[in-house]
N, C-alpha and C. Protein backbone atom coordinates (compact mmCIF):
# COMPACT_ATOMS: atom_id res chain seq x y z
N MET A 1 56.92 -135.65 -63.14
CA MET A 1 57.60 -134.74 -63.62
C MET A 1 57.50 -134.45 -64.97
N SER A 2 58.04 -133.38 -65.28
CA SER A 2 57.99 -133.08 -66.60
C SER A 2 59.34 -133.26 -67.25
N LYS A 3 59.34 -133.29 -68.42
CA LYS A 3 60.58 -133.75 -69.20
C LYS A 3 61.38 -132.63 -69.14
N LEU A 4 61.17 -131.23 -69.21
CA LEU A 4 62.10 -130.02 -69.14
C LEU A 4 62.18 -130.02 -67.94
N THR A 5 61.64 -130.30 -66.69
CA THR A 5 62.43 -130.20 -65.20
C THR A 5 63.59 -131.41 -65.39
N ILE A 6 63.31 -132.39 -65.97
CA ILE A 6 64.47 -133.42 -65.74
C ILE A 6 65.58 -133.00 -66.61
N GLY A 7 65.43 -132.51 -67.61
CA GLY A 7 66.13 -132.27 -69.00
C GLY A 7 67.39 -130.83 -67.64
N VAL A 8 66.79 -130.07 -67.08
CA VAL A 8 67.35 -129.08 -66.44
C VAL A 8 68.07 -129.56 -65.57
N ILE A 9 67.60 -130.43 -64.67
CA ILE A 9 68.40 -131.19 -63.58
C ILE A 9 69.43 -131.69 -64.56
N ALA A 10 69.18 -132.51 -65.30
CA ALA A 10 70.06 -133.37 -66.05
C ALA A 10 71.45 -132.32 -66.31
N VAL A 11 70.85 -131.06 -66.56
CA VAL A 11 72.10 -130.17 -67.18
C VAL A 11 73.13 -129.83 -65.80
N CYS A 12 71.89 -129.67 -65.06
CA CYS A 12 72.85 -128.98 -63.89
C CYS A 12 73.70 -129.79 -63.06
N VAL A 13 73.36 -131.08 -62.92
CA VAL A 13 74.00 -132.63 -62.79
C VAL A 13 75.61 -132.29 -63.18
N LEU A 14 75.25 -132.67 -64.86
CA LEU A 14 76.43 -132.07 -65.65
C LEU A 14 77.43 -131.39 -65.10
N LEU A 15 77.05 -129.87 -65.71
CA LEU A 15 77.69 -128.73 -64.87
C LEU A 15 78.41 -129.27 -63.62
N LEU A 16 77.63 -129.85 -62.42
CA LEU A 16 78.66 -129.51 -61.33
C LEU A 16 79.29 -130.72 -61.18
N ILE A 17 79.23 -131.76 -61.98
CA ILE A 17 80.53 -132.63 -62.48
C ILE A 17 81.37 -131.90 -63.11
N SER A 18 81.27 -131.74 -63.88
CA SER A 18 82.21 -130.73 -64.89
C SER A 18 83.18 -130.11 -63.99
N ASP A 19 82.46 -129.15 -62.96
CA ASP A 19 82.62 -128.09 -62.17
C ASP A 19 84.24 -129.31 -60.97
N PHE A 20 83.45 -130.39 -60.45
CA PHE A 20 84.50 -130.83 -59.65
C PHE A 20 85.23 -131.74 -59.91
N THR A 21 85.47 -132.05 -61.35
CA THR A 21 86.42 -133.05 -61.98
C THR A 21 87.36 -131.45 -62.38
N GLY A 22 86.90 -130.12 -62.72
CA GLY A 22 87.95 -129.35 -63.07
C GLY A 22 88.39 -128.88 -61.99
N ARG A 23 88.08 -128.69 -60.57
CA ARG A 23 88.63 -128.04 -59.53
C ARG A 23 89.31 -129.08 -58.83
N PHE A 24 89.14 -130.79 -58.62
CA PHE A 24 89.53 -131.16 -57.69
C PHE A 24 90.32 -132.29 -58.16
N ILE A 25 90.22 -133.02 -59.19
CA ILE A 25 91.02 -133.94 -59.85
C ILE A 25 91.60 -133.47 -61.01
N GLN A 26 92.74 -133.52 -61.25
CA GLN A 26 93.84 -132.96 -62.15
C GLN A 26 94.54 -133.88 -62.94
N SER A 27 94.48 -133.98 -64.29
CA SER A 27 95.29 -134.79 -64.78
C SER A 27 97.02 -134.59 -64.99
N SER A 28 97.26 -133.36 -65.06
CA SER A 28 98.66 -132.64 -64.67
C SER A 28 98.77 -131.70 -63.78
N PRO A 29 99.44 -131.73 -63.13
CA PRO A 29 100.01 -130.49 -62.05
C PRO A 29 100.03 -129.16 -62.69
N HIS A 30 99.65 -128.02 -62.20
CA HIS A 30 99.43 -126.85 -62.78
C HIS A 30 101.03 -125.97 -62.46
N ALA A 31 101.45 -126.84 -61.82
CA ALA A 31 103.02 -125.86 -60.90
C ALA A 31 103.88 -126.91 -60.68
N GLN A 32 104.92 -127.00 -60.88
CA GLN A 32 105.97 -127.69 -60.52
C GLN A 32 106.47 -126.83 -58.89
N ASN A 33 106.45 -127.65 -57.88
CA ASN A 33 106.35 -127.06 -56.98
C ASN A 33 107.43 -128.03 -56.09
N ASN A 34 109.24 -127.52 -56.66
CA ASN A 34 110.14 -128.72 -55.88
C ASN A 34 111.05 -127.80 -55.31
N PHE A 35 110.91 -128.06 -54.06
CA PHE A 35 111.37 -126.82 -53.13
C PHE A 35 112.91 -128.09 -52.46
N ASP A 36 113.53 -128.73 -53.22
CA ASP A 36 114.97 -128.99 -53.09
C ASP A 36 115.96 -128.00 -52.93
N THR A 37 116.34 -128.03 -51.92
CA THR A 37 117.34 -126.79 -51.84
C THR A 37 118.67 -127.38 -52.52
N SER A 38 118.64 -128.16 -52.74
CA SER A 38 120.36 -128.44 -54.31
C SER A 38 120.32 -128.39 -54.95
N ASN A 39 118.92 -127.96 -56.14
CA ASN A 39 119.00 -127.85 -57.23
C ASN A 39 119.08 -126.32 -57.45
N ASN A 40 118.82 -125.34 -56.08
CA ASN A 40 118.69 -123.66 -56.33
C ASN A 40 119.84 -123.20 -57.00
N ASN A 41 119.48 -122.23 -57.84
CA ASN A 41 120.47 -121.42 -58.70
C ASN A 41 120.60 -120.11 -58.41
N THR A 42 121.93 -120.24 -57.43
CA THR A 42 122.30 -119.04 -56.54
C THR A 42 123.52 -118.80 -57.60
N GLN A 43 123.37 -117.06 -57.80
CA GLN A 43 124.30 -116.47 -58.24
C GLN A 43 124.71 -115.04 -57.51
N PRO A 44 125.95 -114.92 -57.39
CA PRO A 44 126.57 -114.05 -56.81
C PRO A 44 126.22 -112.68 -57.13
N LEU A 45 126.00 -111.75 -55.65
CA LEU A 45 125.65 -110.54 -56.43
C LEU A 45 127.03 -109.77 -57.10
N PRO A 46 126.78 -108.83 -57.63
CA PRO A 46 128.04 -107.94 -58.24
C PRO A 46 128.55 -107.14 -57.07
N LEU A 47 129.97 -106.68 -56.77
CA LEU A 47 130.17 -105.76 -55.91
C LEU A 47 130.77 -104.71 -56.29
N LEU A 48 130.76 -103.66 -55.75
CA LEU A 48 131.06 -101.93 -56.60
C LEU A 48 132.63 -102.61 -56.15
N SER A 49 133.24 -101.38 -57.27
CA SER A 49 134.72 -101.58 -57.26
C SER A 49 134.68 -100.17 -56.12
N SER A 50 135.69 -100.42 -55.82
CA SER A 50 136.68 -99.15 -54.84
C SER A 50 136.63 -97.94 -55.69
N ASN A 51 136.45 -97.48 -56.98
CA ASN A 51 136.22 -96.25 -57.44
C ASN A 51 134.91 -96.00 -57.16
N ALA A 52 134.23 -96.84 -57.61
CA ALA A 52 132.51 -96.53 -57.55
C ALA A 52 132.20 -96.31 -56.36
N HIS A 53 132.74 -97.34 -55.54
CA HIS A 53 132.42 -97.30 -53.82
C HIS A 53 132.99 -95.68 -53.57
N LYS A 54 133.97 -95.18 -53.88
CA LYS A 54 134.27 -93.52 -53.64
C LYS A 54 133.59 -92.52 -53.93
N GLU A 55 133.29 -92.37 -55.16
CA GLU A 55 132.24 -91.82 -55.97
C GLU A 55 131.26 -91.65 -55.38
N LEU A 56 130.16 -93.26 -54.73
CA LEU A 56 128.96 -92.92 -54.55
C LEU A 56 128.90 -92.10 -52.99
N THR A 57 130.17 -92.68 -52.60
CA THR A 57 130.27 -91.82 -50.90
C THR A 57 130.40 -90.48 -51.07
N THR A 58 131.09 -90.17 -51.95
CA THR A 58 131.43 -88.41 -52.13
C THR A 58 129.85 -87.77 -52.44
N LEU A 59 129.58 -88.61 -53.33
CA LEU A 59 128.37 -87.74 -54.00
C LEU A 59 126.93 -87.76 -53.18
N PHE A 60 126.88 -89.10 -51.99
CA PHE A 60 125.85 -88.64 -51.17
C PHE A 60 126.20 -88.26 -49.81
N SER A 61 127.46 -88.11 -49.66
CA SER A 61 128.04 -87.46 -48.30
C SER A 61 127.30 -86.48 -47.77
N ARG A 62 126.65 -85.82 -48.55
CA ARG A 62 126.39 -84.41 -47.64
C ARG A 62 124.76 -84.65 -47.07
N TYR A 63 124.28 -86.02 -47.53
CA TYR A 63 123.39 -86.50 -47.09
C TYR A 63 122.85 -86.89 -45.85
N ALA A 64 124.45 -87.71 -45.44
CA ALA A 64 124.93 -88.31 -44.43
C ALA A 64 125.12 -87.36 -43.27
N LYS A 65 125.11 -86.36 -43.62
CA LYS A 65 125.31 -85.35 -42.28
C LYS A 65 124.65 -85.25 -41.42
N PRO A 66 124.85 -85.15 -39.98
CA PRO A 66 123.40 -85.33 -39.27
C PRO A 66 123.37 -83.50 -38.91
N THR A 67 121.57 -83.78 -39.24
CA THR A 67 121.13 -81.92 -38.44
C THR A 67 120.75 -81.70 -37.65
N LYS A 68 121.40 -80.69 -37.14
CA LYS A 68 120.45 -80.32 -35.67
C LYS A 68 119.20 -80.15 -35.92
N SER A 69 118.49 -80.94 -34.70
CA SER A 69 117.13 -80.74 -34.63
C SER A 69 117.05 -79.60 -33.58
N VAL A 70 116.21 -78.72 -34.50
CA VAL A 70 115.51 -77.65 -33.31
C VAL A 70 113.66 -78.20 -33.03
N GLN A 71 114.07 -78.24 -31.38
CA GLN A 71 113.23 -78.34 -30.92
C GLN A 71 112.29 -76.89 -30.01
N THR A 72 110.98 -77.22 -31.55
CA THR A 72 110.30 -75.62 -31.05
C THR A 72 109.72 -76.40 -29.85
N GLU A 73 109.27 -74.91 -28.82
CA GLU A 73 108.43 -75.36 -27.95
C GLU A 73 106.71 -75.23 -28.38
N GLN A 74 106.09 -76.23 -27.84
CA GLN A 74 104.95 -76.19 -28.31
C GLN A 74 103.59 -75.71 -27.37
N GLY A 75 103.26 -75.43 -27.98
CA GLY A 75 101.34 -74.76 -26.92
C GLY A 75 101.78 -73.34 -27.16
N LEU A 76 100.96 -72.57 -26.12
CA LEU A 76 100.65 -71.42 -26.12
C LEU A 76 101.57 -70.59 -24.93
N THR A 77 101.64 -69.37 -25.11
CA THR A 77 101.93 -68.43 -23.53
C THR A 77 100.62 -68.25 -22.75
N ALA A 78 100.62 -67.89 -21.66
CA ALA A 78 99.67 -67.68 -20.71
C ALA A 78 98.93 -66.48 -21.42
N ALA A 79 99.32 -65.35 -22.10
CA ALA A 79 98.46 -64.48 -22.93
C ALA A 79 97.90 -65.20 -23.98
N GLN A 80 98.48 -65.91 -24.79
CA GLN A 80 97.63 -66.73 -26.13
C GLN A 80 96.36 -67.88 -25.22
N GLN A 81 97.04 -68.50 -24.27
CA GLN A 81 95.70 -69.14 -23.73
C GLN A 81 94.57 -68.18 -22.99
N ALA A 82 95.14 -67.21 -22.71
CA ALA A 82 93.58 -66.21 -22.38
C ALA A 82 93.01 -65.68 -23.61
N GLU A 83 93.66 -65.57 -24.64
CA GLU A 83 92.97 -65.34 -25.82
C GLU A 83 92.16 -65.94 -26.49
N GLN A 84 92.23 -67.80 -26.25
CA GLN A 84 91.49 -68.29 -27.13
C GLN A 84 90.13 -68.41 -26.84
N GLN A 85 89.43 -68.70 -28.25
CA GLN A 85 87.75 -67.90 -27.87
C GLN A 85 87.61 -68.80 -29.02
N GLY A 86 85.79 -68.91 -29.27
CA GLY A 86 85.03 -69.74 -30.09
C GLY A 86 85.17 -71.84 -30.39
N GLU A 87 85.36 -71.73 -31.34
CA GLU A 87 85.05 -73.24 -31.65
C GLU A 87 86.56 -73.77 -31.75
N LEU A 88 86.90 -74.42 -31.04
CA LEU A 88 88.20 -75.22 -31.43
C LEU A 88 88.29 -76.80 -31.58
N LEU A 89 89.02 -77.14 -32.29
CA LEU A 89 89.49 -78.44 -32.04
C LEU A 89 90.09 -79.35 -30.66
N SER A 90 90.70 -78.14 -30.50
CA SER A 90 91.91 -78.52 -29.18
C SER A 90 92.59 -76.88 -28.38
N LEU A 91 92.11 -77.38 -27.46
CA LEU A 91 92.58 -76.33 -26.14
C LEU A 91 94.19 -76.16 -25.79
N PHE A 92 94.34 -75.33 -25.45
CA PHE A 92 95.71 -75.08 -24.79
C PHE A 92 95.73 -75.06 -22.81
N ALA A 93 96.00 -75.65 -21.84
CA ALA A 93 95.48 -74.79 -20.39
C ALA A 93 96.74 -75.38 -19.86
N GLY A 94 97.61 -74.65 -19.33
CA GLY A 94 98.53 -74.88 -18.57
C GLY A 94 99.97 -75.55 -19.63
N ASP A 95 100.25 -76.65 -19.18
CA ASP A 95 101.19 -77.58 -19.98
C ASP A 95 100.06 -78.68 -20.42
N LEU A 96 99.13 -78.18 -20.66
CA LEU A 96 98.18 -79.25 -21.45
C LEU A 96 97.43 -78.78 -22.79
N GLU A 97 97.29 -80.00 -23.38
CA GLU A 97 96.51 -79.51 -24.73
C GLU A 97 95.01 -80.73 -24.41
N LEU A 98 94.09 -79.93 -24.62
CA LEU A 98 93.09 -81.33 -24.53
C LEU A 98 92.12 -80.89 -25.98
N LYS A 99 91.97 -82.24 -25.38
CA LYS A 99 91.25 -82.72 -27.36
C LYS A 99 89.97 -83.75 -26.65
N LEU A 100 88.65 -83.08 -27.53
CA LEU A 100 87.56 -83.93 -26.92
C LEU A 100 87.48 -85.19 -27.71
N LYS A 101 87.04 -86.76 -27.28
CA LYS A 101 87.75 -87.60 -28.00
C LYS A 101 85.96 -88.31 -27.75
N ALA A 102 85.10 -88.30 -26.87
CA ALA A 102 83.80 -88.58 -26.93
C ALA A 102 83.01 -88.05 -26.10
N VAL A 103 82.03 -87.59 -26.03
CA VAL A 103 80.79 -87.86 -25.29
C VAL A 103 79.51 -88.89 -25.34
N ILE A 104 79.55 -89.40 -23.96
CA ILE A 104 78.51 -90.70 -23.53
C ILE A 104 77.54 -90.53 -23.16
N PHE A 105 76.29 -90.36 -23.66
CA PHE A 105 74.71 -89.84 -23.47
C PHE A 105 74.33 -91.72 -22.27
N ALA A 106 74.73 -91.47 -21.16
CA ALA A 106 74.54 -92.67 -20.39
C ALA A 106 73.39 -92.22 -19.11
N PRO A 107 72.87 -92.61 -17.93
CA PRO A 107 72.18 -92.10 -17.25
C PRO A 107 72.73 -90.73 -16.96
N THR A 108 74.17 -91.07 -16.19
CA THR A 108 75.22 -89.63 -16.09
C THR A 108 75.92 -89.25 -17.60
N PRO A 109 75.71 -88.65 -18.30
CA PRO A 109 76.41 -88.16 -19.08
C PRO A 109 77.87 -87.58 -18.77
N TYR A 110 78.80 -88.29 -19.57
CA TYR A 110 80.27 -87.84 -19.76
C TYR A 110 81.08 -87.48 -20.62
N ALA A 111 82.13 -86.88 -20.75
CA ALA A 111 82.90 -86.61 -21.48
C ALA A 111 84.38 -87.58 -21.91
N LEU A 112 85.11 -87.65 -22.79
CA LEU A 112 85.92 -88.45 -22.62
C LEU A 112 87.36 -87.15 -23.24
N ILE A 113 88.22 -86.60 -22.51
CA ILE A 113 89.07 -85.86 -22.94
C ILE A 113 90.82 -86.29 -23.28
N GLU A 114 91.04 -86.27 -23.94
CA GLU A 114 92.58 -86.80 -23.87
C GLU A 114 93.34 -85.28 -23.66
N GLN A 115 94.38 -85.82 -22.63
CA GLN A 115 95.15 -84.95 -21.76
C GLN A 115 96.53 -84.81 -22.44
N LYS A 116 97.47 -83.98 -23.19
CA LYS A 116 98.85 -84.23 -23.73
C LYS A 116 99.36 -83.16 -22.76
N ASN A 117 100.46 -83.69 -22.39
CA ASN A 117 100.82 -82.63 -21.84
C ASN A 117 102.06 -82.31 -22.88
N ILE A 118 102.48 -81.01 -22.73
CA ILE A 118 103.23 -81.02 -24.05
C ILE A 118 104.63 -80.93 -23.54
N LYS A 119 105.46 -80.67 -22.39
CA LYS A 119 106.80 -80.85 -22.47
C LYS A 119 107.12 -82.60 -22.52
N THR A 120 106.45 -83.24 -21.71
CA THR A 120 106.49 -85.19 -21.82
C THR A 120 106.05 -85.49 -22.83
N GLN A 121 105.24 -85.16 -23.38
CA GLN A 121 104.73 -85.69 -24.76
C GLN A 121 103.86 -86.65 -24.13
N GLN A 122 102.83 -86.96 -22.86
CA GLN A 122 102.31 -87.88 -22.33
C GLN A 122 101.02 -87.87 -22.46
N THR A 123 100.44 -88.93 -23.20
CA THR A 123 98.84 -88.72 -23.20
C THR A 123 98.08 -89.68 -22.29
N THR A 124 97.19 -88.89 -21.84
CA THR A 124 95.95 -89.92 -20.87
C THR A 124 94.47 -89.28 -21.23
N LEU A 125 93.93 -90.33 -21.81
CA LEU A 125 92.50 -90.13 -21.61
C LEU A 125 91.42 -90.34 -20.25
N VAL A 126 91.00 -88.93 -20.02
CA VAL A 126 90.07 -88.52 -18.65
C VAL A 126 88.53 -88.38 -19.03
N LYS A 127 88.02 -89.09 -18.00
CA LYS A 127 86.48 -88.89 -18.16
C LYS A 127 86.16 -87.77 -17.18
N TYR A 128 85.27 -86.81 -17.80
CA TYR A 128 84.85 -85.84 -17.17
C TYR A 128 83.07 -85.96 -16.93
N LEU A 129 82.50 -85.30 -15.80
CA LEU A 129 80.72 -85.68 -16.09
C LEU A 129 80.53 -84.00 -16.38
N ASN A 130 78.99 -83.85 -16.46
CA ASN A 130 79.11 -82.39 -16.76
C ASN A 130 78.87 -81.95 -15.70
N GLU A 131 79.42 -80.42 -15.79
CA GLU A 131 79.81 -79.15 -15.00
C GLU A 131 80.66 -79.44 -13.92
N GLN A 132 81.72 -80.42 -14.19
CA GLN A 132 83.23 -80.60 -13.66
C GLN A 132 83.91 -79.95 -14.03
N SER A 133 85.35 -79.60 -13.26
CA SER A 133 86.03 -78.53 -13.93
C SER A 133 87.45 -78.96 -14.40
N ILE A 134 88.02 -78.56 -15.44
CA ILE A 134 88.98 -78.94 -16.28
C ILE A 134 89.70 -77.56 -16.36
N GLN A 135 91.19 -77.92 -15.58
CA GLN A 135 92.28 -76.97 -15.60
C GLN A 135 91.28 -75.49 -15.67
N GLY A 136 90.57 -75.40 -14.36
CA GLY A 136 90.18 -74.19 -14.20
C GLY A 136 88.87 -73.90 -15.27
N TYR A 137 88.23 -74.60 -15.81
CA TYR A 137 87.17 -74.35 -16.92
C TYR A 137 86.45 -75.00 -16.28
N THR A 138 85.13 -74.85 -16.67
CA THR A 138 83.66 -75.60 -16.34
C THR A 138 83.25 -76.31 -17.54
N LEU A 139 83.23 -77.68 -17.90
CA LEU A 139 82.53 -78.37 -18.82
C LEU A 139 81.33 -78.33 -18.63
N SER A 140 80.54 -78.21 -20.02
CA SER A 140 79.18 -78.17 -20.22
C SER A 140 79.14 -79.13 -21.21
N ILE A 141 78.03 -80.13 -21.06
CA ILE A 141 78.26 -80.85 -22.47
C ILE A 141 76.80 -80.35 -23.89
N LEU A 142 77.54 -79.90 -24.46
CA LEU A 142 76.11 -79.71 -25.65
C LEU A 142 75.46 -80.93 -26.22
N SER A 143 76.39 -81.43 -27.22
CA SER A 143 76.19 -82.27 -28.43
C SER A 143 76.76 -83.67 -27.94
N ASN A 144 76.72 -84.68 -28.90
CA ASN A 144 77.29 -85.68 -28.82
C ASN A 144 78.47 -85.40 -29.64
N THR A 145 79.01 -83.72 -29.88
CA THR A 145 80.23 -84.15 -30.71
C THR A 145 80.91 -82.99 -30.25
N GLN A 146 80.16 -81.94 -29.24
CA GLN A 146 80.70 -80.64 -28.84
C GLN A 146 80.19 -80.62 -26.69
N VAL A 147 81.68 -79.73 -26.56
CA VAL A 147 81.25 -79.30 -25.20
C VAL A 147 81.77 -78.29 -24.97
N ALA A 148 80.84 -77.20 -24.24
CA ALA A 148 81.48 -75.78 -23.91
C ALA A 148 82.44 -75.89 -22.61
N LEU A 149 83.32 -75.18 -22.66
CA LEU A 149 84.10 -75.00 -21.53
C LEU A 149 84.14 -73.20 -21.15
N ASN A 150 83.53 -73.19 -20.04
CA ASN A 150 83.65 -71.56 -19.74
C ASN A 150 84.89 -71.24 -18.54
N LYS A 151 85.38 -70.16 -18.62
CA LYS A 151 86.44 -69.28 -17.78
C LYS A 151 86.02 -68.31 -17.88
N ALA A 152 85.85 -67.47 -16.66
CA ALA A 152 85.39 -66.04 -16.96
C ALA A 152 85.12 -65.29 -18.05
N PRO A 153 86.21 -64.94 -18.38
CA PRO A 153 86.06 -64.01 -19.71
C PRO A 153 85.69 -65.07 -20.91
N GLN A 154 85.76 -66.24 -21.50
CA GLN A 154 86.49 -67.44 -21.96
C GLN A 154 85.36 -67.91 -22.06
N HIS A 155 84.66 -68.46 -23.83
CA HIS A 155 83.86 -69.30 -23.73
C HIS A 155 83.68 -70.38 -25.17
N ILE A 156 84.49 -71.18 -24.90
CA ILE A 156 85.02 -72.32 -26.24
C ILE A 156 84.06 -73.27 -25.94
N THR A 157 84.19 -73.50 -27.25
CA THR A 157 83.23 -74.68 -27.39
C THR A 157 84.42 -75.66 -28.16
N LEU A 158 84.64 -76.69 -27.72
CA LEU A 158 85.74 -77.73 -27.68
C LEU A 158 84.77 -79.11 -28.70
N VAL A 159 85.10 -79.03 -29.97
CA VAL A 159 84.45 -80.23 -30.57
C VAL A 159 85.24 -81.18 -31.16
N MET A 160 84.70 -82.50 -31.41
CA MET A 160 85.90 -83.49 -31.86
C MET A 160 86.28 -83.22 -33.51
N TYR A 161 85.31 -83.12 -34.29
CA TYR A 161 85.86 -82.46 -35.96
C TYR A 161 85.67 -81.51 -36.42
N GLN A 162 86.32 -80.95 -37.51
CA GLN A 162 86.21 -79.71 -37.50
C GLN A 162 84.84 -79.75 -38.95
N ARG A 163 83.85 -78.85 -38.75
CA ARG A 163 82.63 -78.89 -39.93
C ARG A 163 83.02 -78.33 -41.31
N GLY A 164 82.40 -78.98 -42.16
CA GLY A 164 82.91 -79.04 -43.63
C GLY A 164 81.93 -78.10 -44.47
C-alpha cells in the first residue's frame, strides 16, 4: 500500500472515532430532564371578574344564537334530469347521484360507480359490466377514465375528472 492510501485510511478512522465520541460519549448531558412532579412550578390561571364576564357575554351573544339550518333539496327535477347531456362529472338519475370512480380493464372490463342517495345521503360503490343497465341508462366503457351512458334521447359521457 502506498503512503497516501495509509494516510487517507488514518484520517477516515480519526473522523469516525471523533463522530462516535461526539454522538455517544457525552461529557455532560445537554438537557436536564428532571420529571420530578414535586418541583413543578404551577401557577393559578387568572379569573375573569364578573363585569368582564358580562361584557364578553353581551359582546358575543349574537354569535351564540342558533341559526335555522335551511335544508335545500339537492338533486334535479325529472325535467332537469332529462336535459342532462354531454360530458359530466356526476349524473342525477332518480334519487341517485352517479359518479365514476374507476374503470378496470380485466378479462371482463367493468366500471365502479358511486351511487349516492340524495335523500338519505347513503353512498354505495357498485360494479357494472360493459353494456349493463344503470337506472335506465346503458353503460358503455370508453376508456380508463370515461364511460358512456345512453338513454333514448340522452347521450352522456361520465368522466372521473374535468379536463384542464
